[in-house]
Amino acid sequence: MRDIRLSNTFINQLNVLLAQGVASFGARVVAQKRDLVFGLIHNFLAHHPAAERPHPRLGLRVHAVRKTPFVIRAVQRDPINARARMPATRHDS
């Protein structure tokens, strides 16, 4: 299992993106989407960091978060550590 590190920037950017959905979808739906994002990071990427090939333009591994508009761009610095770089919406990648 890999060590996943989430930067303050990642968490802040994710919170900004999630906050945009509260008015339209409600706090419960936004909390579910947040849980899906963190579930992908901690339950899947920690165990399978190389599940996706690097994005040809970005050089990062791009993982779509199912049932959300989000993707996670991740970089693996060494065999033990991975870093979630930034959340993005699907139209950003």
PDB file of N, CA and C in Angstrom:
ATOM      1  N   MET A   1       0.844  -1.181   0.000  1.00  0.00           N
ATOM      2  CA  MET A   1       0.000   0.000   0.000  1.00  0.00           C
ATOM      3  C   MET A   1       0.888   1.244   0.000  1.00  0.00           C
ATOM      4  N   ARG A   2       0.502   2.229  -0.793  1.00  0.00           N
ATOM      5  CA  ARG A   2       1.236   3.477  -0.912  1.00  0.00           C
ATOM      6  C   ARG A   2       0.777   4.472   0.140  1.00  0.00           C
ATOM      7  N   ASP A   3       1.669   5.380   0.455  1.00  0.00           N
ATOM      8  CA  ASP A   3       1.333   6.494   1.327  1.00  0.00           C
ATOM      9  C   ASP A   3       0.776   7.609   0.456  1.00  0.00           C
ATOM     10  N   ILE A   4      -0.436   8.041   0.722  1.00  0.00           N
ATOM     11  CA  ILE A   4      -1.069   9.106  -0.055  1.00  0.00           C
ATOM     12  C   ILE A   4      -0.992  10.395   0.740  1.00  0.00           C
ATOM     13  N   ARG A   5      -0.475  11.430   0.124  1.00  0.00           N
ATOM     14  CA  ARG A   5      -0.380  12.733   0.767  1.00  0.00           C
ATOM     15  C   ARG A   5      -1.258  13.725   0.027  1.00  0.00           C
ATOM     16  N   LEU A   6      -2.121  14.377   0.774  1.00  0.00           N
ATOM     17  CA  LEU A   6      -2.990  15.397   0.201  1.00  0.00           C
ATOM     18  C   LEU A   6      -2.496  16.753   0.675  1.00  0.00           C
ATOM     19  N   SER A   7      -2.146  17.597  -0.265  1.00  0.00           N
ATOM     20  CA  SER A   7      -1.664  18.924   0.100  1.00  0.00           C
ATOM     21  C   SER A   7      -2.821  19.804   0.554  1.00  0.00           C
ATOM     22  N   ASN A   8      -2.498  20.849   1.277  1.00  0.00           N
ATOM     23  CA  ASN A   8      -3.512  21.826   1.670  1.00  0.00           C
ATOM     24  C   ASN A   8      -4.156  22.436   0.436  1.00  0.00           C
ATOM     25  N   THR A   9      -3.370  22.649  -0.607  1.00  0.00           N
ATOM     26  CA  THR A   9      -3.901  23.200  -1.856  1.00  0.00           C
ATOM     27  C   THR A   9      -4.949  22.265  -2.447  1.00  0.00           C
ATOM     28  N   PHE A  10      -4.659  20.965  -2.465  1.00  0.00           N
ATOM     29  CA  PHE A  10      -5.614  19.984  -2.975  1.00  0.00           C
ATOM     30  C   PHE A  10      -6.918  20.057  -2.189  1.00  0.00           C
ATOM     31  N   ILE A  11      -6.814  20.024  -0.874  1.00  0.00           N
ATOM     32  CA  ILE A  11      -8.008  20.040  -0.031  1.00  0.00           C
ATOM     33  C   ILE A  11      -8.785  21.340  -0.215  1.00  0.00           C
ATOM     34  N   ASN A  12      -8.072  22.465  -0.273  1.00  0.00           N
ATOM     35  CA  ASN A  12      -8.750  23.755  -0.473  1.00  0.00           C
ATOM     36  C   ASN A  12      -9.450  23.821  -1.825  1.00  0.00           C
ATOM     37  N   GLN A  13      -8.782  23.365  -2.884  1.00  0.00           N
ATOM     38  CA  GLN A  13      -9.389  23.386  -4.207  1.00  0.00           C
ATOM     39  C   GLN A  13     -10.600  22.463  -4.277  1.00  0.00           C
ATOM     40  N   LEU A  14     -10.503  21.295  -3.656  1.00  0.00           N
ATOM     41  CA  LEU A  14     -11.635  20.383  -3.639  1.00  0.00           C
ATOM     42  C   LEU A  14     -12.806  21.003  -2.883  1.00  0.00           C
ATOM     43  N   ASN A  15     -12.529  21.631  -1.745  1.00  0.00           N
ATOM     44  CA  ASN A  15     -13.597  22.273  -0.971  1.00  0.00           C
ATOM     45  C   ASN A  15     -14.280  23.381  -1.763  1.00  0.00           C
ATOM     46  N   VAL A  16     -13.509  24.144  -2.541  1.00  0.00           N
ATOM     47  CA  VAL A  16     -14.100  25.202  -3.376  1.00  0.00           C
ATOM     48  C   VAL A  16     -15.010  24.593  -4.428  1.00  0.00           C
ATOM     49  N   LEU A  17     -14.537  23.536  -5.094  1.00  0.00           N
ATOM     50  CA  LEU A  17     -15.355  22.884  -6.115  1.00  0.00           C
ATOM     51  C   LEU A  17     -16.614  22.268  -5.516  1.00  0.00           C
ATOM     52  N   LEU A  18     -16.479  21.645  -4.360  1.00  0.00           N
ATOM     53  CA  LEU A  18     -17.646  21.033  -3.721  1.00  0.00           C
ATOM     54  C   LEU A  18     -18.642  22.086  -3.246  1.00  0.00           C
ATOM     55  N   ALA A  19     -18.151  23.199  -2.728  1.00  0.00           N
ATOM     56  CA  ALA A  19     -19.033  24.258  -2.226  1.00  0.00           C
ATOM     57  C   ALA A  19     -19.918  24.816  -3.335  1.00  0.00           C
ATOM     58  N   GLN A  20     -19.438  24.782  -4.568  1.00  0.00           N
ATOM     59  CA  GLN A  20     -20.229  25.280  -5.687  1.00  0.00           C
ATOM     60  C   GLN A  20     -21.490  24.447  -5.912  1.00  0.00           C
ATOM     61  N   GLY A  21     -21.491  23.200  -5.448  1.00  0.00           N
ATOM     62  CA  GLY A  21     -22.637  22.331  -5.667  1.00  0.00           C
ATOM     63  C   GLY A  21     -23.665  22.344  -4.560  1.00  0.00           C
ATOM     64  N   VAL A  22     -23.352  22.948  -3.414  1.00  0.00           N
ATOM     65  CA  VAL A  22     -24.274  22.909  -2.282  1.00  0.00           C
ATOM     66  C   VAL A  22     -25.608  23.562  -2.621  1.00  0.00           C
ATOM     67  N   ALA A  23     -25.581  24.732  -3.241  1.00  0.00           N
ATOM     68  CA  ALA A  23     -26.829  25.449  -3.555  1.00  0.00           C
ATOM     69  C   ALA A  23     -27.700  24.653  -4.537  1.00  0.00           C
ATOM     70  N   SER A  24     -27.078  24.003  -5.493  1.00  0.00           N
ATOM     71  CA  SER A  24     -27.842  23.275  -6.516  1.00  0.00           C
ATOM     72  C   SER A  24     -28.281  21.882  -6.076  1.00  0.00           C
ATOM     73  N   PHE A  25     -27.407  21.183  -5.346  1.00  0.00           N
ATOM     74  CA  PHE A  25     -27.663  19.773  -5.058  1.00  0.00           C
ATOM     75  C   PHE A  25     -27.890  19.456  -3.584  1.00  0.00           C
ATOM     76  N   GLY A  26     -27.504  20.360  -2.695  1.00  0.00           N
ATOM     77  CA  GLY A  26     -27.675  20.128  -1.268  1.00  0.00           C
ATOM     78  C   GLY A  26     -26.430  19.545  -0.618  1.00  0.00           C
ATOM     79  N   ALA A  27     -26.355  19.732   0.682  1.00  0.00           N
ATOM     80  CA  ALA A  27     -25.172  19.310   1.443  1.00  0.00           C
ATOM     81  C   ALA A  27     -25.005  17.790   1.451  1.00  0.00           C
ATOM     82  N   ARG A  28     -26.105  17.046   1.470  1.00  0.00           N
ATOM     83  CA  ARG A  28     -26.010  15.588   1.509  1.00  0.00           C
ATOM     84  C   ARG A  28     -25.365  15.033   0.243  1.00  0.00           C
ATOM     85  N   VAL A  29     -25.781  15.526  -0.909  1.00  0.00           N
ATOM     86  CA  VAL A  29     -25.217  15.059  -2.179  1.00  0.00           C
ATOM     87  C   VAL A  29     -23.744  15.449  -2.270  1.00  0.00           C
ATOM     88  N   VAL A  30     -23.420  16.676  -1.862  1.00  0.00           N
ATOM     89  CA  VAL A  30     -22.024  17.128  -1.898  1.00  0.00           C
ATOM     90  C   VAL A  30     -21.159  16.267  -0.975  1.00  0.00           C
ATOM     91  N   ALA A  31     -21.677  15.919   0.196  1.00  0.00           N
ATOM     92  CA  ALA A  31     -20.932  15.051   1.115  1.00  0.00           C
ATOM     93  C   ALA A  31     -20.705  13.669   0.493  1.00  0.00           C
ATOM     94  N   GLN A  32     -21.697  13.145  -0.225  1.00  0.00           N
ATOM     95  CA  GLN A  32     -21.537  11.860  -0.905  1.00  0.00           C
ATOM     96  C   GLN A  32     -20.444  11.940  -1.969  1.00  0.00           C
ATOM     97  N   LYS A  33     -20.418  13.038  -2.719  1.00  0.00           N
ATOM     98  CA  LYS A  33     -19.395  13.202  -3.759  1.00  0.00           C
ATOM     99  C   LYS A  33     -18.008  13.317  -3.135  1.00  0.00           C
ATOM    100  N   ARG A  34     -17.914  14.057  -2.018  1.00  0.00           N
ATOM    101  CA  ARG A  34     -16.640  14.174  -1.298  1.00  0.00           C
ATOM    102  C   ARG A  34     -16.169  12.792  -0.849  1.00  0.00           C
ATOM    103  N   ASP A  35     -17.092  11.989  -0.315  1.00  0.00           N
ATOM    104  CA  ASP A  35     -16.736  10.646   0.134  1.00  0.00           C
ATOM    105  C   ASP A  35     -16.271   9.769  -1.031  1.00  0.00           C
ATOM    106  N   LEU A  36     -16.872   9.934  -2.203  1.00  0.00           N
ATOM    107  CA  LEU A  36     -16.430   9.181  -3.380  1.00  0.00           C
ATOM    108  C   LEU A  36     -15.013   9.570  -3.790  1.00  0.00           C
ATOM    109  N   VAL A  37     -14.705  10.865  -3.730  1.00  0.00           N
ATOM    110  CA  VAL A  37     -13.354  11.334  -4.073  1.00  0.00           C
ATOM    111  C   VAL A  37     -12.335  10.732  -3.106  1.00  0.00           C
ATOM    112  N   PHE A  38     -12.586  10.865  -1.803  1.00  0.00           N
ATOM    113  CA  PHE A  38     -11.637  10.347  -0.816  1.00  0.00           C
ATOM    114  C   PHE A  38     -11.606   8.821  -0.814  1.00  0.00           C
ATOM    115  N   GLY A  39     -12.730   8.194  -1.134  1.00  0.00           N
ATOM    116  CA  GLY A  39     -12.743   6.742  -1.253  1.00  0.00           C
ATOM    117  C   GLY A  39     -11.836   6.263  -2.375  1.00  0.00           C
ATOM    118  N   LEU A  40     -11.901   6.928  -3.520  1.00  0.00           N
ATOM    119  CA  LEU A  40     -11.016   6.572  -4.629  1.00  0.00           C
ATOM    120  C   LEU A  40      -9.553   6.728  -4.216  1.00  0.00           C
ATOM    121  N   ILE A  41      -9.252   7.824  -3.555  1.00  0.00           N
ATOM    122  CA  ILE A  41      -7.861   8.093  -3.162  1.00  0.00           C
ATOM    123  C   ILE A  41      -7.363   7.052  -2.166  1.00  0.00           C
ATOM    124  N   HIS A  42      -8.097   6.859  -1.092  1.00  0.00           N
ATOM    125  CA  HIS A  42      -7.595   6.019   0.004  1.00  0.00           C
ATOM    126  C   HIS A  42      -7.864   4.529  -0.178  1.00  0.00           C
ATOM    127  N   ASN A  43      -8.926   4.163  -0.859  1.00  0.00           N
ATOM    128  CA  ASN A  43      -9.258   2.752  -1.001  1.00  0.00           C
ATOM    129  C   ASN A  43      -8.776   2.137  -2.304  1.00  0.00           C
ATOM    130  N   PHE A  44      -8.554   2.965  -3.329  1.00  0.00           N
ATOM    131  CA  PHE A  44      -8.112   2.416  -4.610  1.00  0.00           C
ATOM    132  C   PHE A  44      -6.701   2.860  -4.970  1.00  0.00           C
ATOM    133  N   LEU A  45      -6.476   4.168  -5.046  1.00  0.00           N
ATOM    134  CA  LEU A  45      -5.165   4.653  -5.484  1.00  0.00           C
ATOM    135  C   LEU A  45      -4.043   4.258  -4.524  1.00  0.00           C
ATOM    136  N   ALA A  46      -4.340   4.165  -3.240  1.00  0.00           N
ATOM    137  CA  ALA A  46      -3.322   3.743  -2.282  1.00  0.00           C
ATOM    138  C   ALA A  46      -2.859   2.312  -2.553  1.00  0.00           C
ATOM    139  N   HIS A  47      -3.742   1.496  -3.093  1.00  0.00           N
ATOM    140  CA  HIS A  47      -3.423   0.099  -3.359  1.00  0.00           C
ATOM    141  C   HIS A  47      -3.023  -0.162  -4.812  1.00  0.00           C
ATOM    142  N   HIS A  48      -3.504   0.674  -5.741  1.00  0.00           N
ATOM    143  CA  HIS A  48      -3.257   0.465  -7.173  1.00  0.00           C
ATOM    144  C   HIS A  48      -2.840   1.781  -7.837  1.00  0.00           C
ATOM    145  N   PRO A  49      -1.695   2.341  -7.467  1.00  0.00           N
ATOM    146  CA  PRO A  49      -1.326   3.663  -7.987  1.00  0.00           C
ATOM    147  C   PRO A  49      -1.053   3.700  -9.489  1.00  0.00           C
ATOM    148  N   ALA A  50      -0.725   2.580 -10.084  1.00  0.00           N
ATOM    149  CA  ALA A  50      -0.409   2.566 -11.507  1.00  0.00           C
ATOM    150  C   ALA A  50      -1.558   1.998 -12.333  1.00  0.00           C
ATOM    151  N   ALA A  51      -2.777   2.101 -11.837  1.00  0.00           N
ATOM    152  CA  ALA A  51      -3.925   1.535 -12.536  1.00  0.00           C
ATOM    153  C   ALA A  51      -4.186   2.225 -13.869  1.00  0.00           C
ATOM    154  N   GLU A  52      -3.823   3.456 -13.989  1.00  0.00           N
ATOM    155  CA  GLU A  52      -4.008   4.210 -15.235  1.00  0.00           C
ATOM    156  C   GLU A  52      -2.648   4.574 -15.814  1.00  0.00           C
ATOM    157  N   ARG A  53      -2.576   4.618 -17.131  1.00  0.00           N
ATOM    158  CA  ARG A  53      -1.347   5.103 -17.776  1.00  0.00           C
ATOM    159  C   ARG A  53      -1.264   6.615 -17.614  1.00  0.00           C
ATOM    160  N   PRO A  54      -0.044   7.158 -17.629  1.00  0.00           N
ATOM    161  CA  PRO A  54       0.063   8.628 -17.536  1.00  0.00           C
ATOM    162  C   PRO A  54      -0.634   9.313 -18.708  1.00  0.00           C
ATOM    163  N   HIS A  55      -1.269  10.433 -18.424  1.00  0.00           N
ATOM    164  CA  HIS A  55      -1.937  11.241 -19.445  1.00  0.00           C
ATOM    165  C   HIS A  55      -0.878  11.721 -20.431  1.00  0.00           C
ATOM    166  N   PRO A  56      -1.105  11.603 -21.739  1.00  0.00           N
ATOM    167  CA  PRO A  56      -0.066  11.939 -22.713  1.00  0.00           C
ATOM    168  C   PRO A  56       0.371  13.402 -22.673  1.00  0.00           C
ATOM    169  N   ARG A  57      -0.534  14.314 -22.400  1.00  0.00           N
ATOM    170  CA  ARG A  57      -0.173  15.736 -22.354  1.00  0.00           C
ATOM    171  C   ARG A  57       0.340  16.165 -20.991  1.00  0.00           C
ATOM    172  N   LEU A  58      -0.272  15.645 -19.934  1.00  0.00           N
ATOM    173  CA  LEU A  58       0.032  16.116 -18.591  1.00  0.00           C
ATOM    174  C   LEU A  58       1.184  15.366 -17.935  1.00  0.00           C
ATOM    175  N   GLY A  59       1.412  14.122 -18.347  1.00  0.00           N
ATOM    176  CA  GLY A  59       2.442  13.323 -17.707  1.00  0.00           C
ATOM    177  C   GLY A  59       2.031  12.843 -16.318  1.00  0.00           C
ATOM    178  N   LEU A  60       0.775  13.032 -15.958  1.00  0.00           N
ATOM    179  CA  LEU A  60       0.242  12.604 -14.673  1.00  0.00           C
ATOM    180  C   LEU A  60      -0.740  11.470 -14.908  1.00  0.00           C
ATOM    181  N   ARG A  61      -1.000  10.710 -13.886  1.00  0.00           N
ATOM    182  CA  ARG A  61      -2.049   9.699 -13.965  1.00  0.00           C
ATOM    183  C   ARG A  61      -3.374  10.378 -13.648  1.00  0.00           C
ATOM    184  N   VAL A  62      -4.328  10.237 -14.533  1.00  0.00           N
ATOM    185  CA  VAL A  62      -5.617  10.905 -14.388  1.00  0.00           C
ATOM    186  C   VAL A  62      -6.676   9.848 -14.111  1.00  0.00           C
ATOM    187  N   HIS A  63      -7.343   9.967 -12.958  1.00  0.00           N
ATOM    188  CA  HIS A  63      -8.336   8.991 -12.527  1.00  0.00           C
ATOM    189  C   HIS A  63      -9.700   9.661 -12.427  1.00  0.00           C
ATOM    190  N   ALA A  64     -10.667   9.189 -13.194  1.00  0.00           N
ATOM    191  CA  ALA A  64     -12.029   9.701 -13.103  1.00  0.00           C
ATOM    192  C   ALA A  64     -12.671   9.158 -11.835  1.00  0.00           C
ATOM    193  N   VAL A  65     -13.383  10.010 -11.124  1.00  0.00           N
ATOM    194  CA  VAL A  65     -14.106   9.597  -9.924  1.00  0.00           C
ATOM    195  C   VAL A  65     -15.534   9.286 -10.363  1.00  0.00           C
ATOM    196  N   ARG A  66     -15.910   8.012 -10.321  1.00  0.00           N
ATOM    197  CA  ARG A  66     -17.229   7.581 -10.798  1.00  0.00           C
ATOM    198  C   ARG A  66     -18.350   8.302 -10.067  1.00  0.00           C
ATOM    199  N   LYS A  67     -19.396   8.588 -10.811  1.00  0.00           N
ATOM    200  CA  LYS A  67     -20.610   9.226 -10.298  1.00  0.00           C
ATOM    201  C   LYS A  67     -20.364  10.641  -9.773  1.00  0.00           C
ATOM    202  N   THR A  68     -19.279  11.267 -10.252  1.00  0.00           N
ATOM    203  CA  THR A  68     -18.986  12.667  -9.912  1.00  0.00           C
ATOM    204  C   THR A  68     -18.458  13.349 -11.171  1.00  0.00           C
ATOM    205  N   PRO A  69     -18.392  14.679 -11.166  1.00  0.00           N
ATOM    206  CA  PRO A  69     -17.783  15.380 -12.297  1.00  0.00           C
ATOM    207  C   PRO A  69     -16.277  15.547 -12.129  1.00  0.00           C
ATOM    208  N   PHE A  70     -15.656  14.835 -11.190  1.00  0.00           N
ATOM    209  CA  PHE A  70     -14.262  15.072 -10.835  1.00  0.00           C
ATOM    210  C   PHE A  70     -13.303  14.045 -11.407  1.00  0.00           C
ATOM    211  N   VAL A  71     -12.086  14.492 -11.615  1.00  0.00           N
ATOM    212  CA  VAL A  71     -10.955  13.612 -11.898  1.00  0.00           C
ATOM    213  C   VAL A  71      -9.853  13.974 -10.904  1.00  0.00           C
ATOM    214  N   ILE A  72      -9.021  12.992 -10.603  1.00  0.00           N
ATOM    215  CA  ILE A  72      -7.872  13.201  -9.733  1.00  0.00           C
ATOM    216  C   ILE A  72      -6.636  13.069 -10.596  1.00  0.00           C
ATOM    217  N   ARG A  73      -5.803  14.077 -10.540  1.00  0.00           N
ATOM    218  CA  ARG A  73      -4.509  14.026 -11.231  1.00  0.00           C
ATOM    219  C   ARG A  73      -3.465  13.667 -10.186  1.00  0.00           C
ATOM    220  N   ALA A  74      -2.789  12.546 -10.393  1.00  0.00           N
ATOM    221  CA  ALA A  74      -1.846  12.053  -9.391  1.00  0.00           C
ATOM    222  C   ALA A  74      -0.471  11.866 -10.007  1.00  0.00           C
ATOM    223  N   VAL A  75       0.533  12.063  -9.179  1.00  0.00           N
ATOM    224  CA  VAL A  75       1.911  11.834  -9.593  1.00  0.00           C
ATOM    225  C   VAL A  75       2.547  10.912  -8.563  1.00  0.00           C
ATOM    226  N   GLN A  76       3.337   9.960  -9.051  1.00  0.00           N
ATOM    227  CA  GLN A  76       4.050   9.061  -8.151  1.00  0.00           C
ATOM    228  C   GLN A  76       5.509   9.462  -8.159  1.00  0.00           C
ATOM    229  N   ARG A  77       5.982   9.971  -7.043  1.00  0.00           N
ATOM    230  CA  ARG A  77       7.358  10.470  -6.955  1.00  0.00           C
ATOM    231  C   ARG A  77       8.367   9.344  -6.763  1.00  0.00           C
ATOM    232  N   ASP A  78       7.995   8.306  -6.058  1.00  0.00           N
ATOM    233  CA  ASP A  78       8.864   7.153  -5.849  1.00  0.00           C
ATOM    234  C   ASP A  78       7.968   5.940  -5.635  1.00  0.00           C
ATOM    235  N   PRO A  79       8.541   4.748  -5.501  1.00  0.00           N
ATOM    236  CA  PRO A  79       7.694   3.562  -5.407  1.00  0.00           C
ATOM    237  C   PRO A  79       6.782   3.522  -4.175  1.00  0.00           C
ATOM    238  N   ILE A  80       7.059   4.305  -3.150  1.00  0.00           N
ATOM    239  CA  ILE A  80       6.287   4.217  -1.918  1.00  0.00           C
ATOM    240  C   ILE A  80       5.278   5.347  -1.782  1.00  0.00           C
ATOM    241  N   ASN A  81       5.573   6.517  -2.311  1.00  0.00           N
ATOM    242  CA  ASN A  81       4.723   7.681  -2.097  1.00  0.00           C
ATOM    243  C   ASN A  81       4.032   8.119  -3.379  1.00  0.00           C
ATOM    244  N   ALA A  82       2.800   8.535  -3.239  1.00  0.00           N
ATOM    245  CA  ALA A  82       2.059   9.127  -4.343  1.00  0.00           C
ATOM    246  C   ALA A  82       1.455  10.423  -3.831  1.00  0.00           C
ATOM    247  N   ARG A  83       1.247  11.357  -4.712  1.00  0.00           N
ATOM    248  CA  ARG A  83       0.696  12.646  -4.300  1.00  0.00           C
ATOM    249  C   ARG A  83      -0.478  12.992  -5.209  1.00  0.00           C
ATOM    250  N   ALA A  84      -1.607  13.280  -4.584  1.00  0.00           N
ATOM    251  CA  ALA A  84      -2.755  13.762  -5.342  1.00  0.00           C
ATOM    252  C   ALA A  84      -2.511  15.237  -5.608  1.00  0.00           C
ATOM    253  N   ARG A  85      -2.379  15.603  -6.869  1.00  0.00           N
ATOM    254  CA  ARG A  85      -1.972  16.952  -7.226  1.00  0.00           C
ATOM    255  C   ARG A  85      -3.110  17.952  -7.144  1.00  0.00           C
ATOM    256  N   MET A  86      -4.183  17.678  -7.825  1.00  0.00           N
ATOM    257  CA  MET A  86      -5.279  18.632  -7.803  1.00  0.00           C
ATOM    258  C   MET A  86      -6.558  17.982  -8.283  1.00  0.00           C
ATOM    259  N   PRO A  87      -7.653  18.352  -7.659  1.00  0.00           N
ATOM    260  CA  PRO A  87      -8.917  17.884  -8.194  1.00  0.00           C
ATOM    261  C   PRO A  87      -9.275  18.754  -9.395  1.00  0.00           C
ATOM    262  N   ALA A  88     -10.025  18.225 -10.286  1.00  0.00           N
ATOM    263  CA  ALA A  88     -10.458  19.005 -11.446  1.00  0.00           C
ATOM    264  C   ALA A  88     -11.801  18.455 -11.885  1.00  0.00           C
ATOM    265  N   THR A  89     -12.521  19.257 -12.620  1.00  0.00           N
ATOM    266  CA  THR A  89     -13.740  18.746 -13.224  1.00  0.00           C
ATOM    267  C   THR A  89     -13.351  18.066 -14.530  1.00  0.00           C
ATOM    268  N   ARG A  90     -14.188  17.226 -15.024  1.00  0.00           N
ATOM    269  CA  ARG A  90     -13.846  16.446 -16.221  1.00  0.00           C
ATOM    270  C   ARG A  90     -13.561  17.313 -17.434  1.00  0.00           C
ATOM    271  N   HIS A  91     -14.174  18.471 -17.552  1.00  0.00           N
ATOM    272  CA  HIS A  91     -13.910  19.299 -18.722  1.00  0.00           C
ATOM    273  C   HIS A  91     -12.566  20.009 -18.620  1.00  0.00           C
ATOM    274  N   ASP A  92     -11.894  19.966 -17.450  1.00  0.00           N
ATOM    275  CA  ASP A  92     -10.581  20.581 -17.305  1.00  0.00           C
ATOM    276  C   ASP A  92      -9.457  19.695 -17.815  1.00  0.00           C
ATOM    277  N   SER A  93      -9.685  18.380 -17.921  1.00  0.00           N
ATOM    278  CA  SER A  93      -8.573  17.495 -18.237  1.00  0.00           C
ATOM    279  C   SER A  93      -8.457  17.169 -19.690  1.00  0.00           C
TER     280      SER A  93
END
